[in-house]
């Protein structure tokens, strides 16, 4: 239970006050305004985090949903 609690807390990091900090047009990263880069980065990282949680979560052991 404790491990799952921390996974929920870490999933809130990009939402807690981050957009007020990164809401700037400049600097540009990869040709995009920083806020757009920030949002796209979290879309990719969310997929990565969900994959890691799926591996670490013991509640889904033994299930083959293919």
PDB file of N, CA and C in Angstrom:
ATOM      1  N   UNK A   1       0.827  -1.200   0.000  1.00  0.00           N
ATOM      2  CA  UNK A   1       0.000   0.000   0.000  1.00  0.00           C
ATOM      3  C   UNK A   1       0.868   1.259   0.000  1.00  0.00           C
ATOM      4  N   UNK A   2       1.960   1.218   0.769  1.00  0.00           N
ATOM      5  CA  UNK A   2       2.813   2.392   0.875  1.00  0.00           C
ATOM      6  C   UNK A   2       3.471   2.724  -0.467  1.00  0.00           C
ATOM      7  N   UNK A   3       3.897   1.688  -1.213  1.00  0.00           N
ATOM      8  CA  UNK A   3       4.526   1.918  -2.510  1.00  0.00           C
ATOM      9  C   UNK A   3       3.521   2.538  -3.478  1.00  0.00           C
ATOM     10  N   UNK A   4       2.304   2.074  -3.452  1.00  0.00           N
ATOM     11  CA  UNK A   4       1.273   2.596  -4.342  1.00  0.00           C
ATOM     12  C   UNK A   4       0.946   4.054  -4.013  1.00  0.00           C
ATOM     13  N   UNK A   5       0.956   4.406  -2.732  1.00  0.00           N
ATOM     14  CA  UNK A   5       0.711   5.786  -2.316  1.00  0.00           C
ATOM     15  C   UNK A   5       1.738   6.726  -2.939  1.00  0.00           C
ATOM     16  N   UNK A   6       3.014   6.353  -2.906  1.00  0.00           N
ATOM     17  CA  UNK A   6       4.064   7.197  -3.469  1.00  0.00           C
ATOM     18  C   UNK A   6       3.961   7.289  -4.979  1.00  0.00           C
ATOM     19  N   UNK A   7       3.498   6.240  -5.628  1.00  0.00           N
ATOM     20  CA  UNK A   7       3.295   6.318  -7.070  1.00  0.00           C
ATOM     21  C   UNK A   7       2.222   7.347  -7.413  1.00  0.00           C
ATOM     22  N   UNK A   8       1.180   7.426  -6.597  1.00  0.00           N
ATOM     23  CA  UNK A   8       0.137   8.435  -6.809  1.00  0.00           C
ATOM     24  C   UNK A   8       0.683   9.847  -6.575  1.00  0.00           C
ATOM     25  N   UNK A   9       1.496  10.001  -5.543  1.00  0.00           N
ATOM     26  CA  UNK A   9       2.071  11.313  -5.243  1.00  0.00           C
ATOM     27  C   UNK A   9       2.972  11.771  -6.380  1.00  0.00           C
ATOM     28  N   UNK A  10       3.819  10.872  -6.899  1.00  0.00           N
ATOM     29  CA  UNK A  10       4.722  11.240  -7.990  1.00  0.00           C
ATOM     30  C   UNK A  10       3.963  11.566  -9.268  1.00  0.00           C
ATOM     31  N   UNK A  11       2.793  10.999  -9.441  1.00  0.00           N
ATOM     32  CA  UNK A  11       2.022  11.296 -10.648  1.00  0.00           C
ATOM     33  C   UNK A  11       1.429  12.709 -10.622  1.00  0.00           C
ATOM     34  N   UNK A  12       1.390  13.330  -9.463  1.00  0.00           N
ATOM     35  CA  UNK A  12       0.847  14.684  -9.349  1.00  0.00           C
ATOM     36  C   UNK A  12       1.886  15.774  -9.582  1.00  0.00           C
ATOM     37  N   UNK A  13       3.159  15.417  -9.688  1.00  0.00           N
ATOM     38  CA  UNK A  13       4.227  16.409  -9.800  1.00  0.00           C
ATOM     39  C   UNK A  13       4.013  17.381 -10.954  1.00  0.00           C
ATOM     40  N   UNK A  14       3.702  16.928 -12.179  1.00  0.00           N
ATOM     41  CA  UNK A  14       3.567  17.912 -13.252  1.00  0.00           C
ATOM     42  C   UNK A  14       2.339  18.811 -13.115  1.00  0.00           C
ATOM     43  N   UNK A  15       1.370  18.403 -12.317  1.00  0.00           N
ATOM     44  CA  UNK A  15       0.138  19.177 -12.213  1.00  0.00           C
ATOM     45  C   UNK A  15       0.188  20.233 -11.120  1.00  0.00           C
ATOM     46  N   UNK A  16       0.999  20.045 -10.119  1.00  0.00           N
ATOM     47  CA  UNK A  16       1.000  20.946  -8.967  1.00  0.00           C
ATOM     48  C   UNK A  16       1.873  22.160  -9.253  1.00  0.00           C
ATOM     49  N   UNK A  17       1.260  23.203  -9.698  1.00  0.00           N
ATOM     50  CA  UNK A  17       1.952  24.463  -9.872  1.00  0.00           C
ATOM     51  C   UNK A  17       2.939  24.523 -11.010  1.00  0.00           C
ATOM     52  N   UNK A  18       3.082  23.460 -11.778  1.00  0.00           N
ATOM     53  CA  UNK A  18       4.112  23.472 -12.802  1.00  0.00           C
ATOM     54  C   UNK A  18       3.769  24.397 -13.957  1.00  0.00           C
ATOM     55  N   UNK A  19       2.519  24.466 -14.334  1.00  0.00           N
ATOM     56  CA  UNK A  19       2.170  25.320 -15.461  1.00  0.00           C
ATOM     57  C   UNK A  19       2.323  26.801 -15.135  1.00  0.00           C
ATOM     58  N   UNK A  20       2.189  27.170 -13.890  1.00  0.00           N
ATOM     59  CA  UNK A  20       2.428  28.568 -13.541  1.00  0.00           C
ATOM     60  C   UNK A  20       3.916  28.905 -13.600  1.00  0.00           C
ATOM     61  N   UNK A  21       4.765  27.915 -13.438  1.00  0.00           N
ATOM     62  CA  UNK A  21       6.206  28.125 -13.497  1.00  0.00           C
ATOM     63  C   UNK A  21       6.698  28.112 -14.937  1.00  0.00           C
ATOM     64  N   UNK A  22       6.167  27.218 -15.761  1.00  0.00           N
ATOM     65  CA  UNK A  22       6.680  27.055 -17.121  1.00  0.00           C
ATOM     66  C   UNK A  22       5.870  27.820 -18.161  1.00  0.00           C
ATOM     67  N   UNK A  23       4.899  28.597 -17.771  1.00  0.00           N
ATOM     68  CA  UNK A  23       4.045  29.305 -18.723  1.00  0.00           C
ATOM     69  C   UNK A  23       4.772  30.523 -19.296  1.00  0.00           C
ATOM     70  N   UNK A  24       5.715  30.204 -20.181  1.00  0.00           N
ATOM     71  CA  UNK A  24       6.497  31.240 -20.834  1.00  0.00           C
ATOM     72  C   UNK A  24       6.604  30.888 -22.306  1.00  0.00           C
ATOM     73  N   UNK A  25       6.587  31.878 -23.168  1.00  0.00           N
ATOM     74  CA  UNK A  25       6.753  31.628 -24.594  1.00  0.00           C
ATOM     75  C   UNK A  25       8.222  31.349 -24.891  1.00  0.00           C
ATOM     76  N   UNK A  26       9.092  32.086 -24.270  1.00  0.00           N
ATOM     77  CA  UNK A  26      10.517  31.875 -24.482  1.00  0.00           C
ATOM     78  C   UNK A  26      11.099  31.266 -23.230  1.00  0.00           C
ATOM     79  N   UNK A  27      12.017  30.396 -23.268  1.00  0.00           N
ATOM     80  CA  UNK A  27      12.860  29.977 -24.382  1.00  0.00           C
ATOM     81  C   UNK A  27      12.158  28.952 -25.263  1.00  0.00           C
ATOM     82  N   UNK A  28      12.687  28.799 -26.448  1.00  0.00           N
ATOM     83  CA  UNK A  28      12.194  27.787 -27.366  1.00  0.00           C
ATOM     84  C   UNK A  28      13.017  26.519 -27.188  1.00  0.00           C
ATOM     85  N   UNK A  29      12.346  25.371 -27.176  1.00  0.00           N
ATOM     86  CA  UNK A  29      13.015  24.073 -27.079  1.00  0.00           C
ATOM     87  C   UNK A  29      12.558  23.255 -28.276  1.00  0.00           C
ATOM     88  N   UNK A  30      13.501  22.828 -29.081  1.00  0.00           N
ATOM     89  CA  UNK A  30      13.222  22.060 -30.297  1.00  0.00           C
ATOM     90  C   UNK A  30      12.244  22.809 -31.212  1.00  0.00           C
ATOM     91  N   UNK A  31      12.343  24.125 -31.231  1.00  0.00           N
ATOM     92  CA  UNK A  31      11.507  24.948 -32.089  1.00  0.00           C
ATOM     93  C   UNK A  31      10.111  25.209 -31.550  1.00  0.00           C
ATOM     94  N   UNK A  32       9.815  24.738 -30.348  1.00  0.00           N
ATOM     95  CA  UNK A  32       8.492  24.933 -29.746  1.00  0.00           C
ATOM     96  C   UNK A  32       8.614  25.868 -28.555  1.00  0.00           C
ATOM     97  N   UNK A  33       7.565  26.627 -28.252  1.00  0.00           N
ATOM     98  CA  UNK A  33       7.569  27.374 -26.993  1.00  0.00           C
ATOM     99  C   UNK A  33       7.704  26.392 -25.825  1.00  0.00           C
ATOM    100  N   UNK A  34       8.308  26.856 -24.757  1.00  0.00           N
ATOM    101  CA  UNK A  34       8.633  25.961 -23.654  1.00  0.00           C
ATOM    102  C   UNK A  34       7.405  25.276 -23.073  1.00  0.00           C
ATOM    103  N   UNK A  35       6.277  25.975 -22.974  1.00  0.00           N
ATOM    104  CA  UNK A  35       5.082  25.372 -22.384  1.00  0.00           C
ATOM    105  C   UNK A  35       4.567  24.217 -23.251  1.00  0.00           C
ATOM    106  N   UNK A  36       4.652  24.346 -24.576  1.00  0.00           N
ATOM    107  CA  UNK A  36       4.241  23.257 -25.453  1.00  0.00           C
ATOM    108  C   UNK A  36       5.185  22.074 -25.319  1.00  0.00           C
ATOM    109  N   UNK A  37       6.495  22.351 -25.253  1.00  0.00           N
ATOM    110  CA  UNK A  37       7.465  21.282 -25.031  1.00  0.00           C
ATOM    111  C   UNK A  37       7.203  20.574 -23.705  1.00  0.00           C
ATOM    112  N   UNK A  38       6.896  21.334 -22.657  1.00  0.00           N
ATOM    113  CA  UNK A  38       6.634  20.781 -21.334  1.00  0.00           C
ATOM    114  C   UNK A  38       5.435  19.822 -21.376  1.00  0.00           C
ATOM    115  N   UNK A  39       4.369  20.238 -22.033  1.00  0.00           N
ATOM    116  CA  UNK A  39       3.175  19.398 -22.106  1.00  0.00           C
ATOM    117  C   UNK A  39       3.427  18.122 -22.919  1.00  0.00           C
ATOM    118  N   UNK A  40       4.117  18.250 -24.044  1.00  0.00           N
ATOM    119  CA  UNK A  40       4.422  17.071 -24.850  1.00  0.00           C
ATOM    120  C   UNK A  40       5.379  16.125 -24.132  1.00  0.00           C
ATOM    121  N   UNK A  41       6.326  16.683 -23.388  1.00  0.00           N
ATOM    122  CA  UNK A  41       7.242  15.852 -22.614  1.00  0.00           C
ATOM    123  C   UNK A  41       6.484  15.019 -21.588  1.00  0.00           C
ATOM    124  N   UNK A  42       5.477  15.618 -20.932  1.00  0.00           N
ATOM    125  CA  UNK A  42       4.724  14.884 -19.924  1.00  0.00           C
ATOM    126  C   UNK A  42       3.791  13.846 -20.544  1.00  0.00           C
ATOM    127  N   UNK A  43       3.352  14.051 -21.764  1.00  0.00           N
ATOM    128  CA  UNK A  43       2.568  13.013 -22.444  1.00  0.00           C
ATOM    129  C   UNK A  43       3.433  11.768 -22.635  1.00  0.00           C
ATOM    130  N   UNK A  44       4.659  11.967 -23.086  1.00  0.00           N
ATOM    131  CA  UNK A  44       5.580  10.841 -23.283  1.00  0.00           C
ATOM    132  C   UNK A  44       5.963  10.214 -21.944  1.00  0.00           C
ATOM    133  N   UNK A  45       6.285  11.046 -20.949  1.00  0.00           N
ATOM    134  CA  UNK A  45       6.683  10.525 -19.649  1.00  0.00           C
ATOM    135  C   UNK A  45       5.544   9.796 -18.941  1.00  0.00           C
ATOM    136  N   UNK A  46       4.316  10.249 -19.135  1.00  0.00           N
ATOM    137  CA  UNK A  46       3.179   9.551 -18.532  1.00  0.00           C
ATOM    138  C   UNK A  46       3.060   8.136 -19.063  1.00  0.00           C
ATOM    139  N   UNK A  47       3.273   7.959 -20.347  1.00  0.00           N
ATOM    140  CA  UNK A  47       3.257   6.614 -20.914  1.00  0.00           C
ATOM    141  C   UNK A  47       4.360   5.759 -20.311  1.00  0.00           C
ATOM    142  N   UNK A  48       5.537   6.338 -20.151  1.00  0.00           N
ATOM    143  CA  UNK A  48       6.646   5.608 -19.547  1.00  0.00           C
ATOM    144  C   UNK A  48       6.338   5.243 -18.094  1.00  0.00           C
ATOM    145  N   UNK A  49       5.792   6.192 -17.345  1.00  0.00           N
ATOM    146  CA  UNK A  49       5.453   5.932 -15.945  1.00  0.00           C
ATOM    147  C   UNK A  49       4.379   4.856 -15.816  1.00  0.00           C
ATOM    148  N   UNK A  50       3.384   4.876 -16.691  1.00  0.00           N
ATOM    149  CA  UNK A  50       2.340   3.855 -16.639  1.00  0.00           C
ATOM    150  C   UNK A  50       2.904   2.469 -16.946  1.00  0.00           C
ATOM    151  N   UNK A  51       3.858   2.393 -17.856  1.00  0.00           N
ATOM    152  CA  UNK A  51       4.516   1.126 -18.150  1.00  0.00           C
ATOM    153  C   UNK A  51       5.283   0.619 -16.926  1.00  0.00           C
ATOM    154  N   UNK A  52       5.993   1.525 -16.245  1.00  0.00           N
ATOM    155  CA  UNK A  52       6.745   1.136 -15.044  1.00  0.00           C
ATOM    156  C   UNK A  52       5.800   0.700 -13.934  1.00  0.00           C
ATOM    157  N   UNK A  53       4.708   1.415 -13.744  1.00  0.00           N
ATOM    158  CA  UNK A  53       3.732   1.037 -12.710  1.00  0.00           C
ATOM    159  C   UNK A  53       3.120  -0.323 -13.028  1.00  0.00           C
ATOM    160  N   UNK A  54       2.865  -0.592 -14.289  1.00  0.00           N
ATOM    161  CA  UNK A  54       2.320  -1.877 -14.685  1.00  0.00           C
ATOM    162  C   UNK A  54       3.286  -3.008 -14.332  1.00  0.00           C
ATOM    163  N   UNK A  55       4.558  -2.770 -14.485  1.00  0.00           N
ATOM    164  CA  UNK A  55       5.553  -3.787 -14.136  1.00  0.00           C
ATOM    165  C   UNK A  55       5.664  -3.946 -12.622  1.00  0.00           C
ATOM    166  N   UNK A  56       5.634  -2.838 -11.881  1.00  0.00           N
ATOM    167  CA  UNK A  56       5.825  -2.885 -10.432  1.00  0.00           C
ATOM    168  C   UNK A  56       4.580  -3.295  -9.661  1.00  0.00           C
ATOM    169  N   UNK A  57       3.413  -3.127 -10.232  1.00  0.00           N
ATOM    170  CA  UNK A  57       2.170  -3.416  -9.527  1.00  0.00           C
ATOM    171  C   UNK A  57       1.983  -4.921  -9.407  1.00  0.00           C
ATOM    172  N   UNK A  58       1.907  -5.399  -8.179  1.00  0.00           N
ATOM    173  CA  UNK A  58       1.771  -6.838  -7.942  1.00  0.00           C
ATOM    174  C   UNK A  58       0.322  -7.307  -8.044  1.00  0.00           C
ATOM    175  N   UNK A  59      -0.621  -6.401  -8.126  1.00  0.00           N
ATOM    176  CA  UNK A  59      -2.025  -6.788  -8.184  1.00  0.00           C
ATOM    177  C   UNK A  59      -2.385  -7.418  -9.508  1.00  0.00           C
ATOM    178  N   UNK A  60      -1.607  -7.181 -10.556  1.00  0.00           N
ATOM    179  CA  UNK A  60      -1.956  -7.729 -11.870  1.00  0.00           C
ATOM    180  C   UNK A  60      -1.119  -8.944 -12.234  1.00  0.00           C
ATOM    181  N   UNK A  61      -0.452  -9.561 -11.275  1.00  0.00           N
ATOM    182  CA  UNK A  61       0.338 -10.759 -11.572  1.00  0.00           C
ATOM    183  C   UNK A  61      -0.578 -11.921 -11.899  1.00  0.00           C
ATOM    184  N   UNK A  62      -0.183 -12.695 -12.865  1.00  0.00           N
ATOM    185  CA  UNK A  62      -0.950 -13.867 -13.245  1.00  0.00           C
ATOM    186  C   UNK A  62      -2.022 -13.599 -14.253  1.00  0.00           C
ATOM    187  N   UNK A  63      -2.215 -12.367 -14.646  1.00  0.00           N
ATOM    188  CA  UNK A  63      -3.243 -12.034 -15.643  1.00  0.00           C
ATOM    189  C   UNK A  63      -2.590 -11.856 -16.997  1.00  0.00           C
ATOM    190  N   UNK A  64      -3.144 -12.495 -18.007  1.00  0.00           N
ATOM    191  CA  UNK A  64      -2.663 -12.339 -19.367  1.00  0.00           C
ATOM    192  C   UNK A  64      -3.800 -11.795 -20.210  1.00  0.00           C
ATOM    193  N   UNK A  65      -3.846 -10.483 -20.367  1.00  0.00           N
ATOM    194  CA  UNK A  65      -4.902  -9.841 -21.132  1.00  0.00           C
ATOM    195  C   UNK A  65      -4.373  -9.489 -22.527  1.00  0.00           C
ATOM    196  N   UNK A  66      -4.345 -10.451 -23.381  1.00  0.00           N
ATOM    197  CA  UNK A  66      -3.868 -10.195 -24.740  1.00  0.00           C
ATOM    198  C   UNK A  66      -4.994 -10.438 -25.712  1.00  0.00           C
TER     199      UNK A  66
END
